[in-house]
N, C-alpha and C. Protein backbone atom coordinates (compact mmCIF):
# COMPACT_ATOMS: atom_id res chain seq x y z
N UNK A 1 0.81 -1.22 0.00
CA UNK A 1 0.00 0.00 0.00
C UNK A 1 0.85 1.28 0.00
N UNK A 2 2.15 1.15 0.27
CA UNK A 2 2.97 2.35 0.42
C UNK A 2 3.04 3.17 -0.88
N UNK A 3 3.07 2.50 -2.03
CA UNK A 3 3.17 3.25 -3.29
C UNK A 3 1.90 4.06 -3.55
N UNK A 4 0.70 3.45 -3.47
CA UNK A 4 -0.50 4.28 -3.67
C UNK A 4 -0.65 5.38 -2.62
N UNK A 5 -0.26 5.11 -1.39
CA UNK A 5 -0.33 6.14 -0.36
C UNK A 5 0.64 7.27 -0.69
N UNK A 6 1.84 6.93 -1.15
CA UNK A 6 2.82 7.95 -1.54
C UNK A 6 2.28 8.80 -2.68
N UNK A 7 1.65 8.17 -3.66
CA UNK A 7 1.05 8.92 -4.77
C UNK A 7 0.01 9.91 -4.24
N UNK A 8 -0.85 9.44 -3.33
CA UNK A 8 -1.87 10.31 -2.76
C UNK A 8 -1.23 11.49 -2.02
N UNK A 9 -0.20 11.21 -1.23
CA UNK A 9 0.47 12.27 -0.45
C UNK A 9 1.11 13.29 -1.39
N UNK A 10 1.76 12.84 -2.44
CA UNK A 10 2.39 13.76 -3.39
C UNK A 10 1.34 14.65 -4.05
N UNK A 11 0.24 14.06 -4.48
CA UNK A 11 -0.81 14.86 -5.11
C UNK A 11 -1.39 15.87 -4.13
N UNK A 12 -1.67 15.43 -2.91
CA UNK A 12 -2.24 16.32 -1.90
C UNK A 12 -1.26 17.45 -1.57
N UNK A 13 0.01 17.13 -1.43
CA UNK A 13 1.02 18.14 -1.12
C UNK A 13 1.12 19.17 -2.24
N UNK A 14 1.08 18.72 -3.49
CA UNK A 14 1.16 19.65 -4.62
C UNK A 14 -0.09 20.53 -4.71
N UNK A 15 -1.25 19.95 -4.44
CA UNK A 15 -2.48 20.75 -4.46
C UNK A 15 -2.44 21.81 -3.35
N UNK A 16 -1.95 21.45 -2.17
CA UNK A 16 -1.81 22.42 -1.09
C UNK A 16 -0.80 23.51 -1.44
N UNK A 17 0.32 23.11 -2.04
CA UNK A 17 1.34 24.09 -2.43
C UNK A 17 0.77 25.08 -3.43
N UNK A 18 -0.02 24.59 -4.38
CA UNK A 18 -0.63 25.48 -5.38
C UNK A 18 -1.60 26.45 -4.71
N UNK A 19 -2.40 25.95 -3.77
CA UNK A 19 -3.35 26.81 -3.06
C UNK A 19 -2.62 27.84 -2.20
N UNK A 20 -1.59 27.42 -1.49
CA UNK A 20 -0.83 28.36 -0.65
C UNK A 20 -0.12 29.41 -1.50
N UNK A 21 0.38 29.00 -2.65
CA UNK A 21 1.09 29.93 -3.53
C UNK A 21 0.16 31.07 -3.94
N UNK A 22 -1.12 30.77 -4.14
CA UNK A 22 -2.07 31.81 -4.52
C UNK A 22 -2.39 32.76 -3.36
N UNK A 23 -2.28 32.28 -2.14
CA UNK A 23 -2.63 33.09 -0.98
C UNK A 23 -1.45 33.86 -0.39
N UNK A 24 -0.24 33.36 -0.61
CA UNK A 24 0.94 33.99 -0.03
C UNK A 24 1.44 35.11 -0.93
N UNK A 25 2.20 36.03 -0.37
CA UNK A 25 2.82 37.06 -1.21
C UNK A 25 3.70 36.42 -2.28
N UNK A 26 3.82 37.10 -3.41
CA UNK A 26 4.56 36.55 -4.55
C UNK A 26 6.00 36.21 -4.21
N UNK A 27 6.60 36.93 -3.26
CA UNK A 27 8.01 36.69 -2.92
C UNK A 27 8.18 35.70 -1.76
N UNK A 28 7.09 35.08 -1.31
CA UNK A 28 7.17 34.13 -0.20
C UNK A 28 7.97 32.91 -0.63
N UNK A 29 8.88 32.52 0.22
CA UNK A 29 9.73 31.35 -0.04
C UNK A 29 9.21 30.19 0.80
N UNK A 30 8.62 29.21 0.16
CA UNK A 30 8.10 28.06 0.89
C UNK A 30 8.19 26.83 0.00
N UNK A 31 8.02 25.69 0.62
CA UNK A 31 7.97 24.43 -0.10
C UNK A 31 7.24 23.40 0.73
N UNK A 32 6.84 22.33 0.08
CA UNK A 32 6.31 21.17 0.79
C UNK A 32 7.29 20.03 0.58
N UNK A 33 7.39 19.20 1.58
CA UNK A 33 8.35 18.11 1.54
C UNK A 33 7.62 16.78 1.72
N UNK A 34 7.98 15.80 0.92
CA UNK A 34 7.37 14.48 1.00
C UNK A 34 8.47 13.45 1.17
N UNK A 35 8.30 12.57 2.15
CA UNK A 35 9.24 11.48 2.36
C UNK A 35 8.94 10.35 1.38
N UNK A 36 9.99 9.82 0.77
CA UNK A 36 9.85 8.67 -0.12
C UNK A 36 10.44 7.44 0.55
N UNK A 37 9.67 6.38 0.61
CA UNK A 37 10.18 5.12 1.14
C UNK A 37 11.00 4.42 0.06
N UNK A 38 11.71 3.38 0.46
CA UNK A 38 12.47 2.58 -0.51
C UNK A 38 11.53 1.98 -1.56
N UNK A 39 10.35 1.54 -1.13
CA UNK A 39 9.39 0.95 -2.07
C UNK A 39 8.90 2.00 -3.07
N UNK A 40 8.61 3.21 -2.60
CA UNK A 40 8.16 4.26 -3.50
C UNK A 40 9.27 4.66 -4.46
N UNK A 41 10.49 4.69 -3.97
CA UNK A 41 11.63 5.04 -4.81
C UNK A 41 11.86 4.01 -5.90
N UNK A 42 11.46 2.77 -5.64
CA UNK A 42 11.61 1.69 -6.62
C UNK A 42 10.45 1.63 -7.61
N UNK A 43 9.42 2.43 -7.41
CA UNK A 43 8.25 2.45 -8.29
C UNK A 43 8.66 2.99 -9.66
N UNK A 44 8.57 2.17 -10.73
CA UNK A 44 9.02 2.61 -12.04
C UNK A 44 8.22 3.78 -12.62
N UNK A 45 7.02 4.01 -12.12
CA UNK A 45 6.20 5.10 -12.65
C UNK A 45 6.22 6.35 -11.80
N UNK A 46 7.05 6.38 -10.78
CA UNK A 46 7.05 7.51 -9.85
C UNK A 46 7.42 8.83 -10.53
N UNK A 47 8.47 8.82 -11.31
CA UNK A 47 8.91 10.07 -11.96
C UNK A 47 7.82 10.64 -12.86
N UNK A 48 7.20 9.78 -13.68
CA UNK A 48 6.15 10.24 -14.57
C UNK A 48 4.94 10.74 -13.76
N UNK A 49 4.63 10.04 -12.68
CA UNK A 49 3.51 10.44 -11.84
C UNK A 49 3.74 11.83 -11.26
N UNK A 50 4.92 12.05 -10.70
CA UNK A 50 5.22 13.35 -10.10
C UNK A 50 5.17 14.45 -11.16
N UNK A 51 5.70 14.18 -12.34
CA UNK A 51 5.67 15.16 -13.42
C UNK A 51 4.23 15.52 -13.78
N UNK A 52 3.37 14.50 -13.91
CA UNK A 52 1.96 14.74 -14.24
C UNK A 52 1.26 15.56 -13.15
N UNK A 53 1.53 15.22 -11.89
CA UNK A 53 0.89 15.94 -10.78
C UNK A 53 1.35 17.39 -10.74
N UNK A 54 2.64 17.63 -10.93
CA UNK A 54 3.14 19.00 -10.94
C UNK A 54 2.46 19.81 -12.04
N UNK A 55 2.32 19.22 -13.21
CA UNK A 55 1.67 19.90 -14.33
C UNK A 55 0.18 20.11 -14.05
N UNK A 56 -0.50 19.08 -13.57
CA UNK A 56 -1.95 19.16 -13.33
C UNK A 56 -2.30 20.17 -12.25
N UNK A 57 -1.44 20.32 -11.26
CA UNK A 57 -1.72 21.24 -10.16
C UNK A 57 -1.08 22.60 -10.37
N UNK A 58 -0.38 22.77 -11.48
CA UNK A 58 0.32 24.03 -11.79
C UNK A 58 1.28 24.40 -10.67
N UNK A 59 1.97 23.39 -10.16
CA UNK A 59 2.93 23.59 -9.08
C UNK A 59 4.34 23.58 -9.66
N UNK A 60 5.06 24.70 -9.56
CA UNK A 60 6.45 24.69 -10.01
C UNK A 60 7.26 23.67 -9.21
N UNK A 61 8.15 22.94 -9.86
CA UNK A 61 8.93 21.91 -9.16
C UNK A 61 9.68 22.40 -7.94
N UNK A 62 10.06 23.66 -7.90
CA UNK A 62 10.84 24.16 -6.76
C UNK A 62 10.03 24.17 -5.46
N UNK A 63 8.70 24.05 -5.56
CA UNK A 63 7.88 24.02 -4.35
C UNK A 63 7.74 22.62 -3.76
N UNK A 64 8.29 21.62 -4.43
CA UNK A 64 8.24 20.24 -3.93
C UNK A 64 9.65 19.76 -3.64
N UNK A 65 9.85 19.27 -2.45
CA UNK A 65 11.14 18.65 -2.09
C UNK A 65 10.84 17.21 -1.70
N UNK A 66 11.67 16.31 -2.18
CA UNK A 66 11.50 14.90 -1.87
C UNK A 66 12.62 14.46 -0.94
N UNK A 67 12.24 13.78 0.13
CA UNK A 67 13.20 13.31 1.12
C UNK A 67 13.35 11.80 1.01
N UNK A 68 14.59 11.36 1.00
CA UNK A 68 14.91 9.94 0.93
C UNK A 68 15.80 9.62 2.11
N UNK A 69 15.46 8.56 2.83
CA UNK A 69 16.32 8.18 3.95
C UNK A 69 17.54 7.43 3.41
N UNK A 70 18.58 7.51 4.17
CA UNK A 70 19.80 6.79 3.80
C UNK A 70 19.52 5.30 3.64
N UNK A 71 18.71 4.75 4.52
CA UNK A 71 18.35 3.33 4.45
C UNK A 71 17.61 2.98 3.17
N UNK A 72 16.83 3.92 2.66
CA UNK A 72 16.10 3.69 1.42
C UNK A 72 17.00 3.61 0.21
N UNK A 73 18.21 4.10 0.33
CA UNK A 73 19.16 4.07 -0.79
C UNK A 73 20.00 2.81 -0.82
N UNK A 74 20.24 2.24 0.34
CA UNK A 74 21.22 1.16 0.47
C UNK A 74 20.91 -0.03 -0.42
N UNK A 75 19.63 -0.40 -0.51
CA UNK A 75 19.28 -1.61 -1.25
C UNK A 75 19.57 -1.55 -2.73
N UNK A 76 19.38 -0.40 -3.35
CA UNK A 76 19.59 -0.31 -4.79
C UNK A 76 20.01 1.10 -5.18
N UNK A 77 21.28 1.39 -4.99
CA UNK A 77 21.80 2.73 -5.23
C UNK A 77 21.70 3.11 -6.70
N UNK A 78 21.94 2.17 -7.62
CA UNK A 78 21.92 2.52 -9.05
C UNK A 78 20.52 2.92 -9.52
N UNK A 79 19.50 2.19 -9.09
CA UNK A 79 18.13 2.56 -9.45
C UNK A 79 17.76 3.88 -8.81
N UNK A 80 18.12 4.05 -7.55
CA UNK A 80 17.83 5.30 -6.85
C UNK A 80 18.49 6.47 -7.56
N UNK A 81 19.69 6.29 -8.03
CA UNK A 81 20.40 7.38 -8.71
C UNK A 81 19.66 7.80 -9.97
N UNK A 82 19.17 6.85 -10.75
CA UNK A 82 18.42 7.18 -11.97
C UNK A 82 17.19 8.01 -11.64
N UNK A 83 16.45 7.57 -10.64
CA UNK A 83 15.22 8.27 -10.25
C UNK A 83 15.54 9.65 -9.70
N UNK A 84 16.53 9.73 -8.82
CA UNK A 84 16.90 11.02 -8.23
C UNK A 84 17.44 11.98 -9.27
N UNK A 85 18.23 11.48 -10.21
CA UNK A 85 18.73 12.33 -11.30
C UNK A 85 17.56 12.90 -12.10
N UNK A 86 16.56 12.06 -12.38
CA UNK A 86 15.40 12.51 -13.14
C UNK A 86 14.65 13.62 -12.39
N UNK A 87 14.46 13.44 -11.09
CA UNK A 87 13.79 14.49 -10.30
C UNK A 87 14.63 15.76 -10.29
N UNK A 88 15.91 15.61 -10.09
CA UNK A 88 16.81 16.76 -10.06
C UNK A 88 16.75 17.52 -11.39
N UNK A 89 16.69 16.79 -12.49
CA UNK A 89 16.67 17.41 -13.82
C UNK A 89 15.40 18.19 -14.11
N UNK A 90 14.29 17.83 -13.46
CA UNK A 90 13.06 18.61 -13.68
C UNK A 90 12.91 19.74 -12.66
N UNK A 91 13.83 19.85 -11.71
CA UNK A 91 13.82 20.96 -10.77
C UNK A 91 13.28 20.65 -9.40
N UNK A 92 12.98 19.38 -9.11
CA UNK A 92 12.56 18.99 -7.77
C UNK A 92 13.81 18.83 -6.92
N UNK A 93 13.85 19.52 -5.79
CA UNK A 93 15.03 19.41 -4.93
C UNK A 93 14.93 18.17 -4.06
N UNK A 94 16.11 17.65 -3.72
CA UNK A 94 16.19 16.37 -3.01
C UNK A 94 16.92 16.53 -1.68
N UNK A 95 16.41 15.81 -0.69
CA UNK A 95 17.02 15.82 0.64
C UNK A 95 17.40 14.40 1.04
N UNK A 96 18.59 14.25 1.55
CA UNK A 96 18.98 12.99 2.16
C UNK A 96 18.65 13.13 3.64
N UNK A 97 17.71 12.32 4.10
CA UNK A 97 17.20 12.42 5.46
C UNK A 97 17.87 11.38 6.35
N UNK A 98 18.03 11.72 7.61
CA UNK A 98 18.58 10.81 8.62
C UNK A 98 19.98 10.32 8.30
N UNK A 99 20.80 11.16 7.70
CA UNK A 99 22.18 10.77 7.42
C UNK A 99 22.87 10.51 8.75
N UNK A 100 23.51 9.38 8.85
CA UNK A 100 24.22 9.01 10.06
C UNK A 100 23.52 7.95 10.88
N UNK A 101 22.36 7.46 10.43
CA UNK A 101 21.64 6.45 11.20
C UNK A 101 22.03 5.04 10.81
N UNK A 102 22.56 4.87 9.64
CA UNK A 102 22.86 3.52 9.17
C UNK A 102 24.29 3.43 8.70
N UNK A 103 24.46 2.86 7.53
CA UNK A 103 25.79 2.72 6.94
C UNK A 103 26.16 4.03 6.25
N UNK A 104 26.43 5.03 7.03
CA UNK A 104 26.72 6.36 6.49
C UNK A 104 27.91 6.31 5.56
N UNK A 105 27.72 6.89 4.42
CA UNK A 105 28.80 6.93 3.45
C UNK A 105 28.82 8.28 2.77
N UNK A 106 29.92 8.96 2.88
CA UNK A 106 30.04 10.24 2.20
C UNK A 106 30.02 10.07 0.69
N UNK A 107 30.29 8.85 0.22
CA UNK A 107 30.23 8.62 -1.23
C UNK A 107 28.82 8.82 -1.76
N UNK A 108 27.78 8.55 -0.93
CA UNK A 108 26.41 8.82 -1.36
C UNK A 108 26.24 10.30 -1.67
N UNK A 109 26.86 11.13 -0.87
CA UNK A 109 26.73 12.57 -1.08
C UNK A 109 27.41 13.01 -2.37
N UNK A 110 28.43 12.32 -2.76
CA UNK A 110 29.15 12.68 -3.98
C UNK A 110 28.52 12.11 -5.23
N UNK A 111 27.89 10.94 -5.12
CA UNK A 111 27.36 10.26 -6.30
C UNK A 111 25.90 10.57 -6.59
N UNK A 112 25.19 11.11 -5.63
CA UNK A 112 23.76 11.35 -5.79
C UNK A 112 23.47 12.85 -5.73
N UNK A 113 22.45 13.30 -6.45
CA UNK A 113 22.21 14.75 -6.61
C UNK A 113 21.40 15.39 -5.47
N UNK A 114 21.85 15.22 -4.24
CA UNK A 114 21.12 15.80 -3.12
C UNK A 114 21.41 17.29 -3.01
N UNK A 115 20.35 18.05 -2.75
CA UNK A 115 20.48 19.48 -2.54
C UNK A 115 20.67 19.80 -1.06
N UNK A 116 20.16 18.90 -0.20
CA UNK A 116 20.23 19.08 1.24
C UNK A 116 20.57 17.76 1.91
N UNK A 117 21.24 17.86 3.05
CA UNK A 117 21.52 16.68 3.86
C UNK A 117 21.03 16.99 5.27
N UNK A 118 20.13 16.15 5.75
CA UNK A 118 19.61 16.30 7.11
C UNK A 118 20.32 15.26 7.97
N UNK A 119 21.17 15.75 8.86
CA UNK A 119 21.98 14.86 9.68
C UNK A 119 21.19 14.45 10.92
N UNK A 120 21.20 13.17 11.20
CA UNK A 120 20.47 12.63 12.34
C UNK A 120 21.02 13.22 13.64
N UNK A 121 20.13 13.71 14.50
CA UNK A 121 20.55 14.37 15.74
C UNK A 121 21.42 13.48 16.62
N UNK A 122 21.07 12.22 16.87
CA UNK A 122 21.96 11.38 17.70
C UNK A 122 23.36 11.24 17.12
N UNK A 123 23.48 11.25 15.80
CA UNK A 123 24.79 11.18 15.16
C UNK A 123 25.62 12.40 15.53
N UNK A 124 25.01 13.57 15.49
CA UNK A 124 25.70 14.80 15.84
C UNK A 124 25.99 14.82 17.34
N UNK A 125 25.02 14.41 18.16
CA UNK A 125 25.20 14.42 19.61
C UNK A 125 26.33 13.49 20.04
N UNK A 126 26.45 12.34 19.39
CA UNK A 126 27.49 11.37 19.77
C UNK A 126 28.88 11.92 19.56
N UNK A 127 29.06 12.84 18.63
CA UNK A 127 30.39 13.34 18.33
C UNK A 127 30.98 14.19 19.43
N UNK A 128 30.14 14.74 20.30
CA UNK A 128 30.67 15.61 21.33
C UNK A 128 30.38 15.20 22.75
N UNK A 129 29.95 13.99 22.98
CA UNK A 129 29.54 13.56 24.32
C UNK A 129 30.70 13.34 25.28
N UNK A 130 31.71 12.64 24.86
CA UNK A 130 32.80 12.32 25.79
C UNK A 130 34.01 13.18 25.48
N UNK A 131 34.86 13.28 26.47
CA UNK A 131 36.09 14.04 26.27
C UNK A 131 36.95 13.33 25.24
N UNK A 132 37.59 14.08 24.36
CA UNK A 132 38.43 13.47 23.34
C UNK A 132 39.61 12.71 23.95
N UNK A 133 39.94 11.61 23.34
CA UNK A 133 41.11 10.84 23.73
C UNK A 133 42.07 10.87 22.56
N UNK A 134 43.18 10.16 22.71
CA UNK A 134 44.15 10.11 21.62
C UNK A 134 43.53 9.49 20.36
N UNK A 135 42.52 8.64 20.55
CA UNK A 135 41.91 7.97 19.40
C UNK A 135 40.66 8.66 18.87
N UNK A 136 40.01 9.47 19.67
CA UNK A 136 38.77 10.07 19.19
C UNK A 136 38.99 11.54 18.85
N UNK A 137 38.71 11.91 17.62
CA UNK A 137 38.92 13.31 17.21
C UNK A 137 37.90 14.22 17.87
N UNK A 138 38.28 15.46 18.04
CA UNK A 138 37.36 16.44 18.56
C UNK A 138 36.39 16.81 17.45
N UNK A 139 35.13 17.02 17.79
CA UNK A 139 34.19 17.48 16.77
C UNK A 139 34.56 18.88 16.32
N UNK A 140 34.38 19.15 15.07
CA UNK A 140 34.68 20.46 14.52
C UNK A 140 33.43 21.03 13.88
N UNK A 141 33.03 22.20 14.31
CA UNK A 141 31.87 22.87 13.75
C UNK A 141 32.21 24.31 13.49
N UNK A 142 31.70 24.85 12.41
CA UNK A 142 31.87 26.28 12.15
C UNK A 142 30.56 26.96 12.36
């Protein structure tokens, strides 16, 4: 059921974005974000569906952001890359969600077209909990 539910959520989010765009000032910067599961990401018709919904609702792609969890990528990175590249090419921005919860790999950030990376809070918290030792580097933040 996750794929049909995802389709419904994407359509509803785009319809809301279109309605909000009409009510907000022209210079308002906003977006709606939809989480994609691994199953939805593997749906061969997802890209075409999103394109049709964006057109039908008159929603510019920049108002839709799609979030993919790191775990959703692990099973099939090559298929995910094709789908994510297609979304990126039509102007939908992409977020890597929960980075640091699983098999974190910076190579995902280099090989996939993510516009944003949402780092998992426990991952960040773990970096500064204990006093540094000779083996543990100090966390560095700017």
